[in-house]
Amino acid sequence: MNRLEISLNKIAENILHIDEASLSSLWEKYKNKVEQFSTSPEWQKAVIIFSIINAVRAKNAIFNEKLLNNKAPEKTAPSERPQGKSYLKLVK
């Protein structure tokens, strides 16, 4: 893993420790900042922050959906599962 990947992994780990409710309370503020385009570094940071908030919301939505969908297969005993069939599905 190169230095860039290590840095990005550290950033991601820090972001994972922030709860969605705290981030969601900032969503409207950063949405408004992004809508007011400028060439300033502050606007560019606002775009990044807004993207992070949306990424955490999307991650949590996918995570919760997968948890709910995966409960049914967990209840199926391994001997009852068809041989060679995967529970994975292609998502486009």
PDB file of N, CA and C in Angstrom:
ATOM      1  N   MET A   1       0.850  -1.173   0.000  1.00  0.00           N
ATOM      2  CA  MET A   1       0.000   0.000   0.000  1.00  0.00           C
ATOM      3  C   MET A   1       0.900   1.242   0.000  1.00  0.00           C
ATOM      4  N   ASN A   2       0.622   2.163  -0.920  1.00  0.00           N
ATOM      5  CA  ASN A   2       1.466   3.354  -1.001  1.00  0.00           C
ATOM      6  C   ASN A   2       0.994   4.426  -0.009  1.00  0.00           C
ATOM      7  N   ARG A   3       1.743   5.505   0.074  1.00  0.00           N
ATOM      8  CA  ARG A   3       1.451   6.568   1.047  1.00  0.00           C
ATOM      9  C   ARG A   3       0.074   7.193   0.836  1.00  0.00           C
ATOM     10  N   LEU A   4      -0.312   7.375  -0.410  1.00  0.00           N
ATOM     11  CA  LEU A   4      -1.616   7.962  -0.692  1.00  0.00           C
ATOM     12  C   LEU A   4      -2.724   7.065  -0.153  1.00  0.00           C
ATOM     13  N   GLU A   5      -2.619   5.774  -0.408  1.00  0.00           N
ATOM     14  CA  GLU A   5      -3.633   4.834   0.094  1.00  0.00           C
ATOM     15  C   GLU A   5      -3.652   4.793   1.615  1.00  0.00           C
ATOM     16  N   ILE A   6      -2.496   4.860   2.219  1.00  0.00           N
ATOM     17  CA  ILE A   6      -2.426   4.876   3.686  1.00  0.00           C
ATOM     18  C   ILE A   6      -3.122   6.118   4.225  1.00  0.00           C
ATOM     19  N   SER A   7      -2.869   7.262   3.606  1.00  0.00           N
ATOM     20  CA  SER A   7      -3.517   8.517   4.029  1.00  0.00           C
ATOM     21  C   SER A   7      -5.028   8.439   3.859  1.00  0.00           C
ATOM     22  N   LEU A   8      -5.475   7.929   2.714  1.00  0.00           N
ATOM     23  CA  LEU A   8      -6.913   7.814   2.466  1.00  0.00           C
ATOM     24  C   LEU A   8      -7.570   6.846   3.447  1.00  0.00           C
ATOM     25  N   ASN A   9      -6.884   5.761   3.778  1.00  0.00           N
ATOM     26  CA  ASN A   9      -7.417   4.816   4.758  1.00  0.00           C
ATOM     27  C   ASN A   9      -7.558   5.456   6.128  1.00  0.00           C
ATOM     28  N   LYS A  10      -6.611   6.288   6.520  1.00  0.00           N
ATOM     29  CA  LYS A  10      -6.693   6.994   7.802  1.00  0.00           C
ATOM     30  C   LYS A  10      -7.856   7.975   7.808  1.00  0.00           C
ATOM     31  N   ILE A  11      -8.037   8.680   6.704  1.00  0.00           N
ATOM     32  CA  ILE A  11      -9.162   9.615   6.591  1.00  0.00           C
ATOM     33  C   ILE A  11     -10.476   8.855   6.701  1.00  0.00           C
ATOM     34  N   ALA A  12     -10.585   7.734   5.976  1.00  0.00           N
ATOM     35  CA  ALA A  12     -11.808   6.928   6.010  1.00  0.00           C
ATOM     36  C   ALA A  12     -12.086   6.414   7.414  1.00  0.00           C
ATOM     37  N   GLU A  13     -11.060   5.977   8.107  1.00  0.00           N
ATOM     38  CA  GLU A  13     -11.243   5.476   9.470  1.00  0.00           C
ATOM     39  C   GLU A  13     -11.765   6.578  10.387  1.00  0.00           C
ATOM     40  N   ASN A  14     -11.222   7.774  10.243  1.00  0.00           N
ATOM     41  CA  ASN A  14     -11.700   8.904  11.054  1.00  0.00           C
ATOM     42  C   ASN A  14     -13.156   9.228  10.746  1.00  0.00           C
ATOM     43  N   ILE A  15     -13.513   9.199   9.477  1.00  0.00           N
ATOM     44  CA  ILE A  15     -14.883   9.507   9.068  1.00  0.00           C
ATOM     45  C   ILE A  15     -15.857   8.466   9.600  1.00  0.00           C
ATOM     46  N   LEU A  16     -15.432   7.201   9.637  1.00  0.00           N
ATOM     47  CA  LEU A  16     -16.299   6.137  10.140  1.00  0.00           C
ATOM     48  C   LEU A  16     -16.661   6.313  11.609  1.00  0.00           C
ATOM     49  N   HIS A  17     -15.883   7.083  12.341  1.00  0.00           N
ATOM     50  CA  HIS A  17     -16.163   7.319  13.764  1.00  0.00           C
ATOM     51  C   HIS A  17     -17.141   8.465  13.994  1.00  0.00           C
ATOM     52  N   ILE A  18     -17.539   9.142  12.937  1.00  0.00           N
ATOM     53  CA  ILE A  18     -18.511  10.244  13.054  1.00  0.00           C
ATOM     54  C   ILE A  18     -19.888   9.672  12.776  1.00  0.00           C
ATOM     55  N   ASP A  19     -20.833   9.955  13.667  1.00  0.00           N
ATOM     56  CA  ASP A  19     -22.166   9.388  13.438  1.00  0.00           C
ATOM     57  C   ASP A  19     -22.926  10.183  12.383  1.00  0.00           C
ATOM     58  N   GLU A  20     -23.827   9.473  11.706  1.00  0.00           N
ATOM     59  CA  GLU A  20     -24.572  10.072  10.599  1.00  0.00           C
ATOM     60  C   GLU A  20     -25.439  11.237  11.056  1.00  0.00           C
ATOM     61  N   ALA A  21     -26.003  11.158  12.254  1.00  0.00           N
ATOM     62  CA  ALA A  21     -26.872  12.234  12.738  1.00  0.00           C
ATOM     63  C   ALA A  21     -26.102  13.554  12.841  1.00  0.00           C
ATOM     64  N   SER A  22     -24.889  13.489  13.330  1.00  0.00           N
ATOM     65  CA  SER A  22     -24.071  14.713  13.422  1.00  0.00           C
ATOM     66  C   SER A  22     -23.766  15.269  12.039  1.00  0.00           C
ATOM     67  N   LEU A  23     -23.441  14.377  11.110  1.00  0.00           N
ATOM     68  CA  LEU A  23     -23.159  14.818   9.737  1.00  0.00           C
ATOM     69  C   LEU A  23     -24.406  15.365   9.059  1.00  0.00           C
ATOM     70  N   SER A  24     -25.532  14.704   9.269  1.00  0.00           N
ATOM     71  CA  SER A  24     -26.776  15.127   8.617  1.00  0.00           C
ATOM     72  C   SER A  24     -27.202  16.522   9.058  1.00  0.00           C
ATOM     73  N   SER A  25     -26.853  16.879  10.282  1.00  0.00           N
ATOM     74  CA  SER A  25     -27.208  18.222  10.755  1.00  0.00           C
ATOM     75  C   SER A  25     -26.438  19.299   9.987  1.00  0.00           C
ATOM     76  N   LEU A  26     -25.344  18.914   9.345  1.00  0.00           N
ATOM     77  CA  LEU A  26     -24.545  19.860   8.559  1.00  0.00           C
ATOM     78  C   LEU A  26     -24.872  19.833   7.065  1.00  0.00           C
ATOM     79  N   TRP A  27     -25.714  18.886   6.645  1.00  0.00           N
ATOM     80  CA  TRP A  27     -25.991  18.676   5.226  1.00  0.00           C
ATOM     81  C   TRP A  27     -26.508  19.947   4.553  1.00  0.00           C
ATOM     82  N   GLU A  28     -27.516  20.578   5.128  1.00  0.00           N
ATOM     83  CA  GLU A  28     -28.127  21.774   4.526  1.00  0.00           C
ATOM     84  C   GLU A  28     -27.122  22.922   4.417  1.00  0.00           C
ATOM     85  N   LYS A  29     -26.323  23.102   5.459  1.00  0.00           N
ATOM     86  CA  LYS A  29     -25.317  24.167   5.467  1.00  0.00           C
ATOM     87  C   LYS A  29     -24.343  24.008   4.301  1.00  0.00           C
ATOM     88  N   TYR A  30     -23.833  22.784   4.111  1.00  0.00           N
ATOM     89  CA  TYR A  30     -22.846  22.577   3.050  1.00  0.00           C
ATOM     90  C   TYR A  30     -23.484  22.491   1.674  1.00  0.00           C
ATOM     91  N   LYS A  31     -24.721  22.076   1.607  1.00  0.00           N
ATOM     92  CA  LYS A  31     -25.461  22.102   0.339  1.00  0.00           C
ATOM     93  C   LYS A  31     -25.557  23.547  -0.144  1.00  0.00           C
ATOM     94  N   ASN A  32     -25.918  24.446   0.750  1.00  0.00           N
ATOM     95  CA  ASN A  32     -26.027  25.864   0.407  1.00  0.00           C
ATOM     96  C   ASN A  32     -24.683  26.448  -0.016  1.00  0.00           C
ATOM     97  N   LYS A  33     -23.611  26.074   0.680  1.00  0.00           N
ATOM     98  CA  LYS A  33     -22.285  26.575   0.314  1.00  0.00           C
ATOM     99  C   LYS A  33     -21.882  26.089  -1.077  1.00  0.00           C
ATOM    100  N   VAL A  34     -22.185  24.819  -1.378  1.00  0.00           N
ATOM    101  CA  VAL A  34     -21.826  24.254  -2.682  1.00  0.00           C
ATOM    102  C   VAL A  34     -22.609  24.946  -3.793  1.00  0.00           C
ATOM    103  N   GLU A  35     -23.856  25.273  -3.518  1.00  0.00           N
ATOM    104  CA  GLU A  35     -24.695  25.940  -4.526  1.00  0.00           C
ATOM    105  C   GLU A  35     -24.202  27.345  -4.845  1.00  0.00           C
ATOM    106  N   GLN A  36     -23.457  27.967  -3.943  1.00  0.00           N
ATOM    107  CA  GLN A  36     -22.920  29.315  -4.145  1.00  0.00           C
ATOM    108  C   GLN A  36     -21.495  29.213  -4.684  1.00  0.00           C
ATOM    109  N   PHE A  37     -21.387  28.832  -5.953  1.00  0.00           N
ATOM    110  CA  PHE A  37     -20.070  28.574  -6.558  1.00  0.00           C
ATOM    111  C   PHE A  37     -19.136  29.766  -6.427  1.00  0.00           C
ATOM    112  N   SER A  38     -17.899  29.446  -6.118  1.00  0.00           N
ATOM    113  CA  SER A  38     -16.816  30.424  -6.199  1.00  0.00           C
ATOM    114  C   SER A  38     -15.532  29.632  -6.464  1.00  0.00           C
ATOM    115  N   THR A  39     -14.483  30.334  -6.751  1.00  0.00           N
ATOM    116  CA  THR A  39     -13.214  29.658  -7.025  1.00  0.00           C
ATOM    117  C   THR A  39     -12.360  29.555  -5.769  1.00  0.00           C
ATOM    118  N   SER A  40     -12.929  29.885  -4.633  1.00  0.00           N
ATOM    119  CA  SER A  40     -12.163  29.930  -3.381  1.00  0.00           C
ATOM    120  C   SER A  40     -11.865  28.541  -2.828  1.00  0.00           C
ATOM    121  N   PRO A  41     -10.806  28.451  -2.036  1.00  0.00           N
ATOM    122  CA  PRO A  41     -10.498  27.189  -1.351  1.00  0.00           C
ATOM    123  C   PRO A  41     -11.626  26.778  -0.391  1.00  0.00           C
ATOM    124  N   GLU A  42     -12.314  27.753   0.177  1.00  0.00           N
ATOM    125  CA  GLU A  42     -13.424  27.448   1.089  1.00  0.00           C
ATOM    126  C   GLU A  42     -14.552  26.725   0.358  1.00  0.00           C
ATOM    127  N   TRP A  43     -14.873  27.171  -0.857  1.00  0.00           N
ATOM    128  CA  TRP A  43     -15.909  26.498  -1.641  1.00  0.00           C
ATOM    129  C   TRP A  43     -15.461  25.076  -1.986  1.00  0.00           C
ATOM    130  N   GLN A  44     -14.206  24.920  -2.363  1.00  0.00           N
ATOM    131  CA  GLN A  44     -13.685  23.598  -2.705  1.00  0.00           C
ATOM    132  C   GLN A  44     -13.752  22.655  -1.501  1.00  0.00           C
ATOM    133  N   LYS A  45     -13.414  23.151  -0.324  1.00  0.00           N
ATOM    134  CA  LYS A  45     -13.521  22.338   0.892  1.00  0.00           C
ATOM    135  C   LYS A  45     -14.980  21.983   1.175  1.00  0.00           C
ATOM    136  N   ALA A  46     -15.871  22.933   0.945  1.00  0.00           N
ATOM    137  CA  ALA A  46     -17.297  22.682   1.165  1.00  0.00           C
ATOM    138  C   ALA A  46     -17.790  21.548   0.267  1.00  0.00           C
ATOM    139  N   VAL A  47     -17.325  21.500  -0.965  1.00  0.00           N
ATOM    140  CA  VAL A  47     -17.704  20.422  -1.889  1.00  0.00           C
ATOM    141  C   VAL A  47     -17.222  19.083  -1.345  1.00  0.00           C
ATOM    142  N   ILE A  48     -16.007  19.031  -0.842  1.00  0.00           N
ATOM    143  CA  ILE A  48     -15.451  17.799  -0.286  1.00  0.00           C
ATOM    144  C   ILE A  48     -16.261  17.378   0.949  1.00  0.00           C
ATOM    145  N   ILE A  49     -16.542  18.313   1.838  1.00  0.00           N
ATOM    146  CA  ILE A  49     -17.312  18.005   3.052  1.00  0.00           C
ATOM    147  C   ILE A  49     -18.703  17.516   2.684  1.00  0.00           C
ATOM    148  N   PHE A  50     -19.351  18.191   1.745  1.00  0.00           N
ATOM    149  CA  PHE A  50     -20.690  17.781   1.300  1.00  0.00           C
ATOM    150  C   PHE A  50     -20.650  16.371   0.718  1.00  0.00           C
ATOM    151  N   SER A  51     -19.611  16.077  -0.032  1.00  0.00           N
ATOM    152  CA  SER A  51     -19.453  14.738  -0.618  1.00  0.00           C
ATOM    153  C   SER A  51     -19.238  13.681   0.469  1.00  0.00           C
ATOM    154  N   ILE A  52     -18.478  14.015   1.485  1.00  0.00           N
ATOM    155  CA  ILE A  52     -18.251  13.084   2.592  1.00  0.00           C
ATOM    156  C   ILE A  52     -19.561  12.796   3.319  1.00  0.00           C
ATOM    157  N   ILE A  53     -20.335  13.836   3.589  1.00  0.00           N
ATOM    158  CA  ILE A  53     -21.628  13.646   4.258  1.00  0.00           C
ATOM    159  C   ILE A  53     -22.502  12.714   3.435  1.00  0.00           C
ATOM    160  N   ASN A  54     -22.576  12.956   2.133  1.00  0.00           N
ATOM    161  CA  ASN A  54     -23.391  12.104   1.264  1.00  0.00           C
ATOM    162  C   ASN A  54     -22.845  10.680   1.185  1.00  0.00           C
ATOM    163  N   ALA A  55     -21.532  10.544   1.201  1.00  0.00           N
ATOM    164  CA  ALA A  55     -20.925   9.212   1.150  1.00  0.00           C
ATOM    165  C   ALA A  55     -21.272   8.405   2.401  1.00  0.00           C
ATOM    166  N   VAL A  56     -21.222   9.044   3.564  1.00  0.00           N
ATOM    167  CA  VAL A  56     -21.563   8.342   4.812  1.00  0.00           C
ATOM    168  C   VAL A  56     -23.041   7.947   4.798  1.00  0.00           C
ATOM    169  N   ARG A  57     -23.892   8.835   4.326  1.00  0.00           N
ATOM    170  CA  ARG A  57     -25.327   8.516   4.243  1.00  0.00           C
ATOM    171  C   ARG A  57     -25.569   7.344   3.299  1.00  0.00           C
ATOM    172  N   ALA A  58     -24.896   7.345   2.155  1.00  0.00           N
ATOM    173  CA  ALA A  58     -25.044   6.252   1.183  1.00  0.00           C
ATOM    174  C   ALA A  58     -24.508   4.948   1.763  1.00  0.00           C
ATOM    175  N   LYS A  59     -23.351   5.006   2.410  1.00  0.00           N
ATOM    176  CA  LYS A  59     -22.756   3.809   3.029  1.00  0.00           C
ATOM    177  C   LYS A  59     -23.698   3.211   4.051  1.00  0.00           C
ATOM    178  N   ASN A  60     -24.292   4.060   4.896  1.00  0.00           N
ATOM    179  CA  ASN A  60     -25.210   3.561   5.921  1.00  0.00           C
ATOM    180  C   ASN A  60     -26.478   2.977   5.312  1.00  0.00           C
ATOM    181  N   ALA A  61     -26.984   3.585   4.270  1.00  0.00           N
ATOM    182  CA  ALA A  61     -28.185   3.060   3.603  1.00  0.00           C
ATOM    183  C   ALA A  61     -27.907   1.690   2.997  1.00  0.00           C
ATOM    184  N   ILE A  62     -26.780   1.551   2.324  1.00  0.00           N
ATOM    185  CA  ILE A  62     -26.402   0.258   1.728  1.00  0.00           C
ATOM    186  C   ILE A  62     -26.167  -0.773   2.824  1.00  0.00           C
ATOM    187  N   PHE A  63     -25.449  -0.381   3.857  1.00  0.00           N
ATOM    188  CA  PHE A  63     -25.134  -1.278   4.972  1.00  0.00           C
ATOM    189  C   PHE A  63     -26.417  -1.807   5.622  1.00  0.00           C
ATOM    190  N   ASN A  64     -27.348  -0.892   5.924  1.00  0.00           N
ATOM    191  CA  ASN A  64     -28.608  -1.303   6.564  1.00  0.00           C
ATOM    192  C   ASN A  64     -29.436  -2.189   5.657  1.00  0.00           C
ATOM    193  N   GLU A  65     -29.489  -1.872   4.364  1.00  0.00           N
ATOM    194  CA  GLU A  65     -30.240  -2.688   3.416  1.00  0.00           C
ATOM    195  C   GLU A  65     -29.654  -4.100   3.335  1.00  0.00           C
ATOM    196  N   LYS A  66     -28.349  -4.188   3.268  1.00  0.00           N
ATOM    197  CA  LYS A  66     -27.693  -5.493   3.182  1.00  0.00           C
ATOM    198  C   LYS A  66     -27.903  -6.303   4.456  1.00  0.00           C
ATOM    199  N   LEU A  67     -27.869  -5.640   5.605  1.00  0.00           N
ATOM    200  CA  LEU A  67     -28.125  -6.353   6.856  1.00  0.00           C
ATOM    201  C   LEU A  67     -29.526  -6.947   6.866  1.00  0.00           C
ATOM    202  N   LEU A  68     -30.500  -6.164   6.438  1.00  0.00           N
ATOM    203  CA  LEU A  68     -31.883  -6.649   6.396  1.00  0.00           C
ATOM    204  C   LEU A  68     -32.042  -7.781   5.396  1.00  0.00           C
ATOM    205  N   ASN A  69     -31.420  -7.654   4.227  1.00  0.00           N
ATOM    206  CA  ASN A  69     -31.527  -8.680   3.186  1.00  0.00           C
ATOM    207  C   ASN A  69     -30.784  -9.957   3.536  1.00  0.00           C
ATOM    208  N   ASN A  70     -29.732  -9.840   4.333  1.00  0.00           N
ATOM    209  CA  ASN A  70     -28.927 -11.009   4.663  1.00  0.00           C
ATOM    210  C   ASN A  70     -29.460 -11.794   5.855  1.00  0.00           C
ATOM    211  N   LYS A  71     -30.475 -11.295   6.526  1.00  0.00           N
ATOM    212  CA  LYS A  71     -31.018 -12.028   7.665  1.00  0.00           C
ATOM    213  C   LYS A  71     -31.670 -13.330   7.242  1.00  0.00           C
ATOM    214  N   ALA A  72     -32.368 -13.341   6.123  1.00  0.00           N
ATOM    215  CA  ALA A  72     -33.051 -14.559   5.667  1.00  0.00           C
ATOM    216  C   ALA A  72     -32.067 -15.686   5.345  1.00  0.00           C
ATOM    217  N   PRO A  73     -31.001 -15.459   4.577  1.00  0.00           N
ATOM    218  CA  PRO A  73     -30.069 -16.554   4.292  1.00  0.00           C
ATOM    219  C   PRO A  73     -29.368 -17.096   5.539  1.00  0.00           C
ATOM    220  N   GLU A  74     -29.149 -16.247   6.553  1.00  0.00           N
ATOM    221  CA  GLU A  74     -28.485 -16.707   7.766  1.00  0.00           C
ATOM    222  C   GLU A  74     -29.310 -17.771   8.486  1.00  0.00           C
ATOM    223  N   LYS A  75     -30.636 -17.706   8.361  1.00  0.00           N
ATOM    224  CA  LYS A  75     -31.507 -18.656   9.044  1.00  0.00           C
ATOM    225  C   LYS A  75     -31.531 -20.010   8.337  1.00  0.00           C
ATOM    226  N   THR A  76     -31.101 -20.042   7.084  1.00  0.00           N
ATOM    227  CA  THR A  76     -31.092 -21.283   6.316  1.00  0.00           C
ATOM    228  C   THR A  76     -29.891 -22.118   6.734  1.00  0.00           C
ATOM    229  N   ALA A  77     -30.149 -23.360   7.072  1.00  0.00           N
ATOM    230  CA  ALA A  77     -29.063 -24.258   7.468  1.00  0.00           C
ATOM    231  C   ALA A  77     -28.179 -24.545   6.261  1.00  0.00           C
ATOM    232  N   PRO A  78     -26.874 -24.712   6.465  1.00  0.00           N
ATOM    233  CA  PRO A  78     -25.962 -24.963   5.332  1.00  0.00           C
ATOM    234  C   PRO A  78     -26.361 -26.189   4.513  1.00  0.00           C
ATOM    235  N   SER A  79     -26.918 -27.212   5.135  1.00  0.00           N
ATOM    236  CA  SER A  79     -27.300 -28.420   4.394  1.00  0.00           C
ATOM    237  C   SER A  79     -28.500 -28.181   3.481  1.00  0.00           C
ATOM    238  N   GLU A  80     -29.290 -27.149   3.767  1.00  0.00           N
ATOM    239  CA  GLU A  80     -30.472 -26.845   2.951  1.00  0.00           C
ATOM    240  C   GLU A  80     -30.141 -25.962   1.753  1.00  0.00           C
ATOM    241  N   ARG A  81     -28.946 -25.392   1.733  1.00  0.00           N
ATOM    242  CA  ARG A  81     -28.566 -24.514   0.623  1.00  0.00           C
ATOM    243  C   ARG A  81     -28.240 -25.354  -0.598  1.00  0.00           C
ATOM    244  N   PRO A  82     -28.700 -24.928  -1.776  1.00  0.00           N
ATOM    245  CA  PRO A  82     -28.363 -25.651  -3.003  1.00  0.00           C
ATOM    246  C   PRO A  82     -26.864 -25.598  -3.257  1.00  0.00           C
ATOM    247  N   GLN A  83     -26.301 -26.709  -3.686  1.00  0.00           N
ATOM    248  CA  GLN A  83     -24.876 -26.784  -3.972  1.00  0.00           C
ATOM    249  C   GLN A  83     -24.529 -25.902  -5.172  1.00  0.00           C
ATOM    250  N   GLY A  84     -23.438 -25.175  -5.077  1.00  0.00           N
ATOM    251  CA  GLY A  84     -22.959 -24.370  -6.196  1.00  0.00           C
ATOM    252  C   GLY A  84     -23.692 -23.053  -6.378  1.00  0.00           C
ATOM    253  N   LYS A  85     -24.694 -22.767  -5.599  1.00  0.00           N
ATOM    254  CA  LYS A  85     -25.434 -21.514  -5.724  1.00  0.00           C
ATOM    255  C   LYS A  85     -24.861 -20.478  -4.777  1.00  0.00           C
ATOM    256  N   SER A  86     -24.630 -19.307  -5.295  1.00  0.00           N
ATOM    257  CA  SER A  86     -24.100 -18.220  -4.469  1.00  0.00           C
ATOM    258  C   SER A  86     -25.232 -17.309  -4.035  1.00  0.00           C
ATOM    259  N   TYR A  87     -25.080 -16.713  -2.870  1.00  0.00           N
ATOM    260  CA  TYR A  87     -26.062 -15.738  -2.401  1.00  0.00           C
ATOM    261  C   TYR A  87     -25.718 -14.339  -2.871  1.00  0.00           C
ATOM    262  N   LEU A  88     -24.616 -14.217  -3.578  1.00  0.00           N
ATOM    263  CA  LEU A  88     -24.235 -12.929  -4.131  1.00  0.00           C
ATOM    264  C   LEU A  88     -25.033 -12.664  -5.403  1.00  0.00           C
ATOM    265  N   LYS A  89     -25.344 -11.401  -5.617  1.00  0.00           N
ATOM    266  CA  LYS A  89     -26.030 -11.050  -6.857  1.00  0.00           C
ATOM    267  C   LYS A  89     -25.382  -9.821  -7.459  1.00  0.00           C
ATOM    268  N   LEU A  90     -25.465  -9.687  -8.752  1.00  0.00           N
ATOM    269  CA  LEU A  90     -24.884  -8.574  -9.473  1.00  0.00           C
ATOM    270  C   LEU A  90     -25.773  -7.351  -9.298  1.00  0.00           C
ATOM    271  N   VAL A  91     -25.184  -6.238  -8.867  1.00  0.00           N
ATOM    272  CA  VAL A  91     -25.911  -5.000  -8.685  1.00  0.00           C
ATOM    273  C   VAL A  91     -25.359  -4.004  -9.687  1.00  0.00           C
ATOM    274  N   LYS A  92     -26.231  -3.435 -10.487  1.00  0.00           N
ATOM    275  CA  LYS A  92     -25.796  -2.463 -11.493  1.00  0.00           C
ATOM    276  C   LYS A  92     -26.188  -1.076 -11.103  1.00  0.00           C
TER     277      LYS A  92
END
